[in-house]
Amino acid sequence: MRPLNRGRPPGMWLVSDGVPINDVAKVMGHEQTSTTLNRYTHSTAERERRV
């Protein structure tokens, strides 16, 4: 994990660092990987569109 939050949720750090989504779901306490994907991947896609 990173030392400073900078406004990003921990799940987003994990996803953006390439941690497999199944592992992120487990760490975040999500029973379904779809919950993790819906919660943490949309912001990454939005950021890429802005670049």
Protein backbone atom coordinates (compact mmCIF):
# COMPACT_ATOMS: atom_id res chain seq x y z
CA MET A 1 0.00 0.00 0.00
CA ARG A 2 1.07 3.56 -0.54
CA PRO A 3 1.91 5.81 2.38
CA LEU A 4 -0.40 8.67 1.32
CA ASN A 5 -4.06 8.21 0.44
CA ARG A 6 -4.34 11.08 -2.08
CA GLY A 7 -8.10 10.53 -2.18
CA ARG A 8 -8.05 7.11 -3.83
CA PRO A 9 -9.72 4.13 -2.16
CA PRO A 10 -7.42 1.19 -1.33
CA GLY A 11 -9.24 -1.07 -3.79
CA MET A 12 -8.42 1.31 -6.61
CA TRP A 13 -4.72 1.24 -5.64
CA LEU A 14 -4.73 -2.53 -5.84
CA VAL A 15 -6.52 -2.64 -9.20
CA SER A 16 -4.29 0.03 -10.73
CA ASP A 17 -1.20 -1.80 -9.44
CA GLY A 18 -2.26 -4.92 -11.34
CA VAL A 19 -3.41 -7.09 -8.44
CA PRO A 20 -5.77 -9.79 -9.80
CA ILE A 21 -9.41 -8.78 -9.33
CA ASN A 22 -10.17 -11.99 -7.39
CA ASP A 23 -7.53 -11.04 -4.82
CA VAL A 24 -8.80 -7.46 -4.60
CA ALA A 25 -12.34 -8.74 -4.03
CA LYS A 26 -11.15 -10.99 -1.23
CA VAL A 27 -9.17 -8.20 0.47
CA MET A 28 -12.08 -5.76 0.18
CA GLY A 29 -14.57 -8.33 1.52
CA HIS A 30 -16.65 -8.58 -1.65
CA GLU A 31 -18.40 -11.88 -2.28
CA GLN A 32 -18.76 -11.15 -6.00
CA THR A 33 -15.94 -9.92 -8.22
CA SER A 34 -18.55 -7.89 -10.12
CA THR A 35 -18.93 -5.69 -7.03
CA THR A 36 -15.19 -5.01 -7.07
CA LEU A 37 -15.14 -4.35 -10.81
CA ASN A 38 -18.10 -1.97 -10.61
CA ARG A 39 -16.67 -0.11 -7.67
CA TYR A 40 -13.01 0.27 -8.64
CA THR A 41 -12.56 -0.02 -12.39
CA HIS A 42 -14.85 2.72 -13.70
CA SER A 43 -12.66 5.51 -12.35
CA THR A 44 -9.61 4.06 -14.08
CA ALA A 45 -11.47 4.01 -17.40
CA GLU A 46 -12.62 7.61 -16.89
CA ARG A 47 -9.05 8.67 -16.13
CA GLU A 48 -7.74 7.02 -19.30
CA ARG A 49 -10.29 8.90 -21.42
CA ARG A 50 -9.05 12.20 -20.01
CA VAL A 51 -5.43 11.44 -20.87
